Amino acid sequence: MRGRTAGSCAAVVLAALPAVAEVKGLSASNVPPPPAGVDVFNLTAGAEDLSPGGNGGGAGGLWARTWRHGVSSELGASWASLDGVRWHYGRIGASLRRTRTLFQAAAELGRGRRPGVEFPYRIYTAGVVASILPGRLFFELSDRYLYVDEARGHLVKVGLSASPRAYIRAELASHFSVTGNLGARYASARLDLLRGRAGGLAGLNVGRSRPEVLRRLVPGAVVSATELYAGIRGSAGPHELTLIVDSLWTAGVRRHAFTASWTVRPRGRASSPAPPPGSAIQPVS
């Protein structure tokens, strides 16, 4: 039963938990975009330990480009493994930024395999961030449709983020599933600090979900889960390095992960919020 328990849903949780499924572009609505024609590159890698269970890890890359008239595009790929389950996917996305609104859509398409079974990996995301107080307060609404192995359904996020100072950003959000069998309902909080070339971040996700969404395939009643994460970041010229550790506890299962993310961005441009934990599996987006 162990292989099945940590198997099919191993990929599902990486797509469903709020911290992992965060859309970085939507969270960065208060960051000025690079000028047209500028490329940004990101490489992410990480390792995980699941107890009871096994080890895993993954890596991913992303290329993003800003075009004219507020249009941006991104293209990436990722692979990962965890306790005998392997999966990979490609990502394509686009965004449109207007004076006080950011629209974004993305698709992640791939496949995975657990012992004796191949499964689809498909995630479609669409969202909007609206500026309530320019540069200070933002409202976010996004919908993510998941079709990963035996789990499918829509995961909606409703959130508010505030930047009382240029070097601080705080976010509160509610995440809940509609239709399908995800059964997820989470609340999340996150704080980002950035002063000069150094910064940090910390966050919390607390909620309830079916076991399938929490890396356990054994069907049963809704269970509680808690995730904590923290990280540091530093930059030198166009290079930026972010290191994140996070831990998840639920129903007798613990997961600890470490993620390293390296970004090359234009000189002199403001840094965007650090990537969420789990980026080795769901690369920076």
C-alpha atoms as a PDB file:
ATOM      1  CA  MET A   1       0.000   0.000   0.000  1.00  0.00           C
ATOM      2  CA  ARG A   2       2.949   2.343   0.592  1.00  0.00           C
ATOM      3  CA  GLY A   3       3.757   2.760  -3.088  1.00  0.00           C
ATOM      4  CA  ARG A   4       0.170   3.678  -3.868  1.00  0.00           C
ATOM      5  CA  THR A   5      -0.148   5.947  -0.872  1.00  0.00           C
ATOM      6  CA  ALA A   6       2.793   8.149  -1.843  1.00  0.00           C
ATOM      7  CA  GLY A   7       2.341   7.562  -5.527  1.00  0.00           C
ATOM      8  CA  SER A   8      -0.599   8.893  -7.463  1.00  0.00           C
ATOM      9  CA  CYS A   9      -1.125  11.911  -5.279  1.00  0.00           C
ATOM     10  CA  ALA A  10       2.549  12.846  -5.064  1.00  0.00           C
ATOM     11  CA  ALA A  11       2.163  14.968  -8.162  1.00  0.00           C
ATOM     12  CA  VAL A  12      -1.256  16.200  -7.121  1.00  0.00           C
ATOM     13  CA  VAL A  13      -0.154  17.898  -3.920  1.00  0.00           C
ATOM     14  CA  LEU A  14       2.581  19.794  -5.744  1.00  0.00           C
ATOM     15  CA  ALA A  15      -0.051  21.354  -7.941  1.00  0.00           C
ATOM     16  CA  ALA A  16      -2.700  21.879  -5.291  1.00  0.00           C
ATOM     17  CA  LEU A  17      -1.027  23.323  -2.217  1.00  0.00           C
ATOM     18  CA  PRO A  18      -1.200  27.117  -2.276  1.00  0.00           C
ATOM     19  CA  ALA A  19       2.479  27.786  -1.637  1.00  0.00           C
ATOM     20  CA  VAL A  20       3.512  25.481  -4.424  1.00  0.00           C
ATOM     21  CA  ALA A  21       0.870  26.464  -6.888  1.00  0.00           C
ATOM     22  CA  GLU A  22       1.427  30.190  -6.519  1.00  0.00           C
ATOM     23  CA  VAL A  23       1.626  32.102  -9.788  1.00  0.00           C
ATOM     24  CA  LYS A  24       4.628  34.356  -9.354  1.00  0.00           C
ATOM     25  CA  GLY A  25       3.595  36.730 -12.134  1.00  0.00           C
ATOM     26  CA  LEU A  26       0.292  37.451 -10.422  1.00  0.00           C
ATOM     27  CA  SER A  27       1.982  38.165  -7.119  1.00  0.00           C
ATOM     28  CA  ALA A  28       4.402  40.578  -8.744  1.00  0.00           C
ATOM     29  CA  SER A  29       1.822  43.119  -9.843  1.00  0.00           C
ATOM     30  CA  ASN A  30       3.538  45.887  -7.882  1.00  0.00           C
ATOM     31  CA  VAL A  31       6.873  45.335  -9.661  1.00  0.00           C
ATOM     32  CA  PRO A  32       7.654  47.440 -12.745  1.00  0.00           C
ATOM     33  CA  PRO A  33       8.114  45.185 -15.791  1.00  0.00           C
ATOM     34  CA  PRO A  34      11.407  45.198 -17.723  1.00  0.00           C
ATOM     35  CA  PRO A  35      11.448  47.310 -20.896  1.00  0.00           C
ATOM     36  CA  ALA A  36      10.348  45.702 -24.159  1.00  0.00           C
ATOM     37  CA  GLY A  37      12.832  43.249 -25.643  1.00  0.00           C
ATOM     38  CA  VAL A  38      14.366  42.185 -22.313  1.00  0.00           C
ATOM     39  CA  ASP A  39      14.832  38.505 -21.445  1.00  0.00           C
ATOM     40  CA  VAL A  40      14.788  36.977 -17.953  1.00  0.00           C
ATOM     41  CA  PHE A  41      16.111  33.464 -17.273  1.00  0.00           C
ATOM     42  CA  ASN A  42      15.538  31.211 -14.266  1.00  0.00           C
ATOM     43  CA  LEU A  43      16.923  27.837 -13.185  1.00  0.00           C
ATOM     44  CA  THR A  44      15.499  26.047 -10.144  1.00  0.00           C
ATOM     45  CA  ALA A  45      16.476  22.809  -8.401  1.00  0.00           C
ATOM     46  CA  GLY A  46      15.576  21.160  -5.123  1.00  0.00           C
ATOM     47  CA  ALA A  47      15.337  18.055  -2.975  1.00  0.00           C
ATOM     48  CA  GLU A  48      12.587  16.599  -0.770  1.00  0.00           C
ATOM     49  CA  ASP A  49      12.245  14.056   1.990  1.00  0.00           C
ATOM     50  CA  LEU A  50       8.895  12.358   2.673  1.00  0.00           C
ATOM     51  CA  SER A  51       8.430  10.499   5.972  1.00  0.00           C
ATOM     52  CA  PRO A  52       7.137   7.860   5.930  1.00  0.00           C
ATOM     53  CA  GLY A  53       8.082   7.450   2.299  1.00  0.00           C
ATOM     54  CA  GLY A  54      11.192   8.231   0.301  1.00  0.00           C
ATOM     55  CA  ASN A  55      13.313  10.981  -1.168  1.00  0.00           C
ATOM     56  CA  GLY A  56      12.912  12.982  -4.336  1.00  0.00           C
ATOM     57  CA  GLY A  57      13.883  16.097  -6.192  1.00  0.00           C
ATOM     58  CA  GLY A  58      13.634  17.928  -9.453  1.00  0.00           C
ATOM     59  CA  ALA A  59      14.777  20.784 -11.638  1.00  0.00           C
ATOM     60  CA  GLY A  60      13.245  23.288 -14.009  1.00  0.00           C
ATOM     61  CA  GLY A  61      14.051  26.190 -16.272  1.00  0.00           C
ATOM     62  CA  LEU A  62      12.087  29.207 -17.477  1.00  0.00           C
ATOM     63  CA  TRP A  63      12.615  31.905 -20.081  1.00  0.00           C
ATOM     64  CA  ALA A  64      10.458  35.041 -19.962  1.00  0.00           C
ATOM     65  CA  ARG A  65      10.404  37.968 -22.378  1.00  0.00           C
ATOM     66  CA  THR A  66       8.662  41.329 -22.274  1.00  0.00           C
ATOM     67  CA  TRP A  67       7.276  42.595 -25.553  1.00  0.00           C
ATOM     68  CA  ARG A  68       5.629  45.858 -26.511  1.00  0.00           C
ATOM     69  CA  HIS A  69       2.282  47.172 -25.296  1.00  0.00           C
ATOM     70  CA  GLY A  70       2.506  45.434 -21.899  1.00  0.00           C
ATOM     71  CA  VAL A  71       2.637  41.895 -23.295  1.00  0.00           C
ATOM     72  CA  SER A  72       4.938  39.252 -21.773  1.00  0.00           C
ATOM     73  CA  SER A  73       5.483  35.585 -22.565  1.00  0.00           C
ATOM     74  CA  GLU A  74       7.197  32.668 -20.873  1.00  0.00           C
ATOM     75  CA  LEU A  75       8.360  29.203 -21.847  1.00  0.00           C
ATOM     76  CA  GLY A  76       9.757  26.516 -19.562  1.00  0.00           C
ATOM     77  CA  ALA A  77      10.150  22.849 -18.723  1.00  0.00           C
ATOM     78  CA  SER A  78      10.444  20.785 -15.550  1.00  0.00           C
ATOM     79  CA  TRP A  79      10.961  17.233 -14.330  1.00  0.00           C
ATOM     80  CA  ALA A  80      10.663  15.686 -10.875  1.00  0.00           C
ATOM     81  CA  SER A  81      10.574  12.431  -8.921  1.00  0.00           C
ATOM     82  CA  LEU A  82       9.336  11.478  -5.472  1.00  0.00           C
ATOM     83  CA  ASP A  83       9.192   8.075  -3.789  1.00  0.00           C
ATOM     84  CA  GLY A  84       9.073   6.094  -7.038  1.00  0.00           C
ATOM     85  CA  VAL A  85       6.851   8.549  -8.948  1.00  0.00           C
ATOM     86  CA  ARG A  86       8.265  10.533 -11.877  1.00  0.00           C
ATOM     87  CA  TRP A  87       6.721  13.274 -13.988  1.00  0.00           C
ATOM     88  CA  HIS A  88       7.684  16.022 -16.406  1.00  0.00           C
ATOM     89  CA  TYR A  89       5.925  18.846 -18.198  1.00  0.00           C
ATOM     90  CA  GLY A  90       6.375  21.923 -20.347  1.00  0.00           C
ATOM     91  CA  ARG A  91       4.974  25.336 -19.548  1.00  0.00           C
ATOM     92  CA  ILE A  92       3.792  28.172 -21.772  1.00  0.00           C
ATOM     93  CA  GLY A  93       2.285  31.395 -20.545  1.00  0.00           C
ATOM     94  CA  ALA A  94       1.422  34.976 -21.426  1.00  0.00           C
ATOM     95  CA  SER A  95       0.388  38.120 -19.574  1.00  0.00           C
ATOM     96  CA  LEU A  96      -1.034  41.509 -20.412  1.00  0.00           C
ATOM     97  CA  ARG A  97      -0.363  44.465 -18.152  1.00  0.00           C
ATOM     98  CA  ARG A  98      -2.478  47.587 -18.208  1.00  0.00           C
ATOM     99  CA  THR A  99      -2.147  50.680 -16.044  1.00  0.00           C
ATOM    100  CA  ARG A 100      -3.800  49.163 -12.968  1.00  0.00           C
ATOM    101  CA  THR A 101      -4.522  45.570 -13.994  1.00  0.00           C
ATOM    102  CA  LEU A 102      -2.515  42.462 -14.790  1.00  0.00           C
ATOM    103  CA  PHE A 103      -4.017  39.525 -16.724  1.00  0.00           C
ATOM    104  CA  GLN A 104      -2.188  36.205 -16.945  1.00  0.00           C
ATOM    105  CA  ALA A 105      -2.785  32.739 -18.381  1.00  0.00           C
ATOM    106  CA  ALA A 106      -0.591  29.643 -18.495  1.00  0.00           C
ATOM    107  CA  ALA A 107      -0.710  25.958 -19.378  1.00  0.00           C
ATOM    108  CA  GLU A 108       1.465  23.126 -18.053  1.00  0.00           C
ATOM    109  CA  LEU A 109       1.257  19.910 -20.059  1.00  0.00           C
ATOM    110  CA  GLY A 110       3.091  16.660 -19.404  1.00  0.00           C
ATOM    111  CA  ARG A 111       2.921  13.101 -18.164  1.00  0.00           C
ATOM    112  CA  GLY A 112       3.984  11.060 -15.162  1.00  0.00           C
ATOM    113  CA  ARG A 113       4.476   7.477 -14.095  1.00  0.00           C
ATOM    114  CA  ARG A 114       4.026   5.575 -10.868  1.00  0.00           C
ATOM    115  CA  PRO A 115       4.615   1.818 -10.524  1.00  0.00           C
ATOM    116  CA  GLY A 116       2.656   0.179 -13.332  1.00  0.00           C
ATOM    117  CA  VAL A 117       0.601   3.253 -14.223  1.00  0.00           C
ATOM    118  CA  GLU A 118       1.103   6.265 -16.473  1.00  0.00           C
ATOM    119  CA  PHE A 119      -0.922   9.384 -15.709  1.00  0.00           C
ATOM    120  CA  PRO A 120      -1.603  12.800 -17.318  1.00  0.00           C
ATOM    121  CA  TYR A 121      -0.258  16.048 -15.919  1.00  0.00           C
ATOM    122  CA  ARG A 122      -2.310  19.058 -17.065  1.00  0.00           C
ATOM    123  CA  ILE A 123      -2.741  22.369 -15.301  1.00  0.00           C
ATOM    124  CA  TYR A 124      -4.403  25.449 -16.789  1.00  0.00           C
ATOM    125  CA  THR A 125      -4.298  28.789 -14.979  1.00  0.00           C
ATOM    126  CA  ALA A 126      -5.982  32.139 -15.566  1.00  0.00           C
ATOM    127  CA  GLY A 127      -6.011  35.121 -13.253  1.00  0.00           C
ATOM    128  CA  VAL A 128      -6.193  38.843 -12.785  1.00  0.00           C
ATOM    129  CA  VAL A 129      -4.651  41.290 -10.314  1.00  0.00           C
ATOM    130  CA  ALA A 130      -6.236  44.711  -9.912  1.00  0.00           C
ATOM    131  CA  SER A 131      -4.611  47.690  -8.209  1.00  0.00           C
ATOM    132  CA  ILE A 132      -6.897  49.153  -5.553  1.00  0.00           C
ATOM    133  CA  LEU A 133      -4.377  51.699  -4.304  1.00  0.00           C
ATOM    134  CA  PRO A 134      -1.617  52.148  -6.908  1.00  0.00           C
ATOM    135  CA  GLY A 135       1.622  50.649  -5.653  1.00  0.00           C
ATOM    136  CA  ARG A 136       0.115  49.835  -2.238  1.00  0.00           C
ATOM    137  CA  LEU A 137      -2.915  47.509  -2.283  1.00  0.00           C
ATOM    138  CA  PHE A 138      -3.851  44.784  -4.786  1.00  0.00           C
ATOM    139  CA  PHE A 139      -6.725  42.332  -5.233  1.00  0.00           C
ATOM    140  CA  GLU A 140      -6.072  38.959  -6.877  1.00  0.00           C
ATOM    141  CA  LEU A 141      -8.443  36.385  -8.339  1.00  0.00           C
ATOM    142  CA  SER A 142      -7.221  33.264 -10.130  1.00  0.00           C
ATOM    143  CA  ASP A 143      -8.543  29.876 -11.183  1.00  0.00           C
ATOM    144  CA  ARG A 144      -6.386  26.808 -11.742  1.00  0.00           C
ATOM    145  CA  TYR A 145      -7.795  23.671 -13.344  1.00  0.00           C
ATOM    146  CA  LEU A 146      -5.925  20.485 -12.413  1.00  0.00           C
ATOM    147  CA  TYR A 147      -6.021  17.135 -14.148  1.00  0.00           C
ATOM    148  CA  VAL A 148      -3.191  15.205 -12.515  1.00  0.00           C
ATOM    149  CA  ASP A 149      -3.484  11.427 -12.244  1.00  0.00           C
ATOM    150  CA  GLU A 150      -6.787  10.682 -10.468  1.00  0.00           C
ATOM    151  CA  ALA A 151      -7.356  14.215  -9.190  1.00  0.00           C
ATOM    152  CA  ARG A 152      -9.172  16.885 -11.136  1.00  0.00           C
ATOM    153  CA  GLY A 153     -11.033  20.078 -10.397  1.00  0.00           C
ATOM    154  CA  HIS A 154     -10.752  23.859 -10.163  1.00  0.00           C
ATOM    155  CA  LEU A 155      -8.673  25.521  -7.449  1.00  0.00           C
ATOM    156  CA  VAL A 156      -9.649  29.172  -6.899  1.00  0.00           C
ATOM    157  CA  LYS A 157      -7.555  31.802  -5.148  1.00  0.00           C
ATOM    158  CA  VAL A 158      -8.884  35.077  -3.726  1.00  0.00           C
ATOM    159  CA  GLY A 159      -6.299  37.313  -2.121  1.00  0.00           C
ATOM    160  CA  LEU A 160      -5.152  40.743  -1.034  1.00  0.00           C
ATOM    161  CA  SER A 161      -1.559  41.963  -1.032  1.00  0.00           C
ATOM    162  CA  ALA A 162      -0.202  45.200   0.414  1.00  0.00           C
ATOM    163  CA  SER A 163       3.085  47.080   0.078  1.00  0.00           C
ATOM    164  CA  PRO A 164       3.113  49.795   2.757  1.00  0.00           C
ATOM    165  CA  ARG A 165       6.779  50.407   1.920  1.00  0.00           C
ATOM    166  CA  ALA A 166       8.809  49.713  -1.210  1.00  0.00           C
ATOM    167  CA  TYR A 167      10.809  47.002   0.597  1.00  0.00           C
ATOM    168  CA  ILE A 168       7.920  45.032   2.123  1.00  0.00           C
ATOM    169  CA  ARG A 169       4.998  43.053   0.736  1.00  0.00           C
ATOM    170  CA  ALA A 170       2.394  41.102   2.715  1.00  0.00           C
ATOM    171  CA  GLU A 171      -0.281  38.807   1.318  1.00  0.00           C
ATOM    172  CA  LEU A 172      -3.361  37.057   2.702  1.00  0.00           C
ATOM    173  CA  ALA A 173      -5.376  34.656   0.553  1.00  0.00           C
ATOM    174  CA  SER A 174      -8.061  31.994   0.556  1.00  0.00           C
ATOM    175  CA  HIS A 175      -7.788  28.917  -1.685  1.00  0.00           C
ATOM    176  CA  PHE A 176     -10.684  26.551  -2.291  1.00  0.00           C
ATOM    177  CA  SER A 177     -11.633  23.906  -4.822  1.00  0.00           C
ATOM    178  CA  VAL A 178     -14.834  23.897  -6.851  1.00  0.00           C
ATOM    179  CA  THR A 179     -16.070  20.887  -8.847  1.00  0.00           C
ATOM    180  CA  GLY A 180     -14.008  17.738  -9.155  1.00  0.00           C
ATOM    181  CA  ASN A 181     -12.546  15.739  -6.282  1.00  0.00           C
ATOM    182  CA  LEU A 182      -9.813  17.996  -4.840  1.00  0.00           C
ATOM    183  CA  GLY A 183     -11.736  18.872  -1.679  1.00  0.00           C
ATOM    184  CA  ALA A 184      -9.225  21.631  -0.848  1.00  0.00           C
ATOM    185  CA  ARG A 185      -9.794  24.670   1.371  1.00  0.00           C
ATOM    186  CA  TYR A 186      -6.743  26.615   2.578  1.00  0.00           C
ATOM    187  CA  ALA A 187      -5.751  29.975   3.977  1.00  0.00           C
ATOM    188  CA  SER A 188      -2.299  31.386   3.309  1.00  0.00           C
ATOM    189  CA  ALA A 189      -0.163  34.251   4.543  1.00  0.00           C
ATOM    190  CA  ARG A 190       3.174  35.442   3.221  1.00  0.00           C
ATOM    191  CA  LEU A 191       5.672  38.229   3.919  1.00  0.00           C
ATOM    192  CA  ASP A 192       8.463  39.380   1.582  1.00  0.00           C
ATOM    193  CA  LEU A 193      11.242  41.790   2.595  1.00  0.00           C
ATOM    194  CA  LEU A 194      13.828  43.285   0.247  1.00  0.00           C
ATOM    195  CA  ARG A 195      16.416  45.894   1.206  1.00  0.00           C
ATOM    196  CA  GLY A 196      19.115  46.621  -1.324  1.00  0.00           C
ATOM    197  CA  ARG A 197      20.739  43.386  -2.454  1.00  0.00           C
ATOM    198  CA  ALA A 198      19.416  41.178   0.355  1.00  0.00           C
ATOM    199  CA  GLY A 199      16.010  40.021   1.467  1.00  0.00           C
ATOM    200  CA  GLY A 200      13.917  37.303   3.020  1.00  0.00           C
ATOM    201  CA  LEU A 201      10.503  35.697   2.960  1.00  0.00           C
ATOM    202  CA  ALA A 202       8.303  33.576   5.199  1.00  0.00           C
ATOM    203  CA  GLY A 203       4.863  32.075   4.904  1.00  0.00           C
ATOM    204  CA  LEU A 204       2.210  29.781   6.283  1.00  0.00           C
ATOM    205  CA  ASN A 205      -0.525  27.634   4.735  1.00  0.00           C
ATOM    206  CA  VAL A 206      -3.219  26.071   6.921  1.00  0.00           C
ATOM    207  CA  GLY A 207      -6.292  24.168   5.823  1.00  0.00           C
ATOM    208  CA  ARG A 208      -8.105  20.940   5.153  1.00  0.00           C
ATOM    209  CA  SER A 209      -8.319  18.622   2.184  1.00  0.00           C
ATOM    210  CA  ARG A 210      -8.953  15.095   1.017  1.00  0.00           C
ATOM    211  CA  PRO A 211      -5.925  12.821   1.583  1.00  0.00           C
ATOM    212  CA  GLU A 212      -5.360  12.542  -2.195  1.00  0.00           C
ATOM    213  CA  VAL A 213      -4.450  16.221  -2.381  1.00  0.00           C
ATOM    214  CA  LEU A 214      -1.919  15.862   0.443  1.00  0.00           C
ATOM    215  CA  ARG A 215       0.395  13.268  -1.112  1.00  0.00           C
ATOM    216  CA  ARG A 216      -1.585  10.340   0.337  1.00  0.00           C
ATOM    217  CA  LEU A 217      -3.802   8.314  -1.977  1.00  0.00           C
ATOM    218  CA  VAL A 218      -5.720   6.364   0.676  1.00  0.00           C
ATOM    219  CA  PRO A 219      -9.306   7.678   0.354  1.00  0.00           C
ATOM    220  CA  GLY A 220     -10.900   8.880   3.536  1.00  0.00           C
ATOM    221  CA  ALA A 221     -12.266  11.798   5.494  1.00  0.00           C
ATOM    222  CA  VAL A 222     -10.969  15.332   5.071  1.00  0.00           C
ATOM    223  CA  VAL A 223      -7.723  15.887   7.012  1.00  0.00           C
ATOM    224  CA  SER A 224      -5.905  18.978   8.265  1.00  0.00           C
ATOM    225  CA  ALA A 225      -2.533  20.163   6.962  1.00  0.00           C
ATOM    226  CA  THR A 226      -0.007  22.816   7.907  1.00  0.00           C
ATOM    227  CA  GLU A 227       2.897  24.131   5.860  1.00  0.00           C
ATOM    228  CA  LEU A 228       5.627  26.557   6.976  1.00  0.00           C
ATOM    229  CA  TYR A 229       8.377  28.001   4.803  1.00  0.00           C
ATOM    230  CA  ALA A 230      11.134  30.593   4.957  1.00  0.00           C
ATOM    231  CA  GLY A 231      13.912  31.762   2.705  1.00  0.00           C
ATOM    232  CA  ILE A 232      16.681  34.246   2.010  1.00  0.00           C
ATOM    233  CA  ARG A 233      17.764  35.937  -1.172  1.00  0.00           C
ATOM    234  CA  GLY A 234      20.674  37.961  -2.438  1.00  0.00           C
ATOM    235  CA  SER A 235      21.704  39.615  -5.684  1.00  0.00           C
ATOM    236  CA  ALA A 236      24.874  40.742  -7.404  1.00  0.00           C
ATOM    237  CA  GLY A 237      24.538  42.645 -10.655  1.00  0.00           C
ATOM    238  CA  PRO A 238      21.987  40.875 -12.862  1.00  0.00           C
ATOM    239  CA  HIS A 239      22.181  37.641 -10.829  1.00  0.00           C
ATOM    240  CA  GLU A 240      19.798  36.745  -8.015  1.00  0.00           C
ATOM    241  CA  LEU A 241      19.869  33.662  -5.771  1.00  0.00           C
ATOM    242  CA  THR A 242      16.991  32.515  -3.544  1.00  0.00           C
ATOM    243  CA  LEU A 243      17.176  29.640  -1.027  1.00  0.00           C
ATOM    244  CA  ILE A 244      13.992  28.272   0.567  1.00  0.00           C
ATOM    245  CA  VAL A 245      13.240  25.572   3.134  1.00  0.00           C
ATOM    246  CA  ASP A 246       9.697  24.379   3.842  1.00  0.00           C
ATOM    247  CA  SER A 247       7.943  21.709   5.879  1.00  0.00           C
ATOM    248  CA  LEU A 248       4.493  20.143   5.584  1.00  0.00           C
ATOM    249  CA  TRP A 249       2.691  18.130   8.277  1.00  0.00           C
ATOM    250  CA  THR A 250      -0.520  16.181   7.799  1.00  0.00           C
ATOM    251  CA  ALA A 251      -2.108  12.948   9.058  1.00  0.00           C
ATOM    252  CA  GLY A 252       1.121  11.356  10.249  1.00  0.00           C
ATOM    253  CA  VAL A 253       3.142  12.365   7.172  1.00  0.00           C
ATOM    254  CA  ARG A 254       5.966  14.907   7.126  1.00  0.00           C
ATOM    255  CA  ARG A 255       7.614  16.485   4.097  1.00  0.00           C
ATOM    256  CA  HIS A 256      10.764  18.606   4.237  1.00  0.00           C
ATOM    257  CA  ALA A 257      12.106  20.345   1.138  1.00  0.00           C
ATOM    258  CA  PHE A 258      14.943  22.623   0.049  1.00  0.00           C
ATOM    259  CA  THR A 259      14.831  24.758  -3.095  1.00  0.00           C
ATOM    260  CA  ALA A 260      17.489  26.886  -4.792  1.00  0.00           C
ATOM    261  CA  SER A 261      16.498  29.340  -7.518  1.00  0.00           C
ATOM    262  CA  TRP A 262      18.906  31.353  -9.700  1.00  0.00           C
ATOM    263  CA  THR A 263      17.553  34.205 -11.826  1.00  0.00           C
ATOM    264  CA  VAL A 264      19.315  36.428 -14.347  1.00  0.00           C
ATOM    265  CA  ARG A 265      17.410  39.671 -14.812  1.00  0.00           C
ATOM    266  CA  PRO A 266      18.201  43.097 -16.356  1.00  0.00           C
ATOM    267  CA  ARG A 267      20.540  45.303 -14.378  1.00  0.00           C
ATOM    268  CA  GLY A 268      18.880  48.007 -12.345  1.00  0.00           C
ATOM    269  CA  ARG A 269      15.398  46.463 -12.451  1.00  0.00           C
ATOM    270  CA  ALA A 270      13.387  45.926  -9.286  1.00  0.00           C
ATOM    271  CA  SER A 271      13.333  42.363  -7.992  1.00  0.00           C
ATOM    272  CA  SER A 272      10.048  40.523  -7.972  1.00  0.00           C
ATOM    273  CA  PRO A 273       8.788  38.493  -5.006  1.00  0.00           C
ATOM    274  CA  ALA A 274      10.789  35.330  -4.401  1.00  0.00           C
ATOM    275  CA  PRO A 275       9.462  32.076  -5.837  1.00  0.00           C
ATOM    276  CA  PRO A 276       7.255  29.913  -3.627  1.00  0.00           C
ATOM    277  CA  PRO A 277       8.592  26.760  -1.972  1.00  0.00           C
ATOM    278  CA  GLY A 278       8.384  23.629  -4.060  1.00  0.00           C
ATOM    279  CA  SER A 279       9.729  25.420  -7.113  1.00  0.00           C
ATOM    280  CA  ALA A 280      11.964  22.493  -7.959  1.00  0.00           C
ATOM    281  CA  ILE A 281       8.772  20.640  -8.775  1.00  0.00           C
ATOM    282  CA  GLN A 282       6.637  23.549  -9.924  1.00  0.00           C
ATOM    283  CA  PRO A 283       9.307  25.906 -11.272  1.00  0.00           C
ATOM    284  CA  VAL A 284       9.212  29.635 -10.885  1.00  0.00           C
ATOM    285  CA  SER A 285       6.380  31.032 -12.933  1.00  0.00           C
END
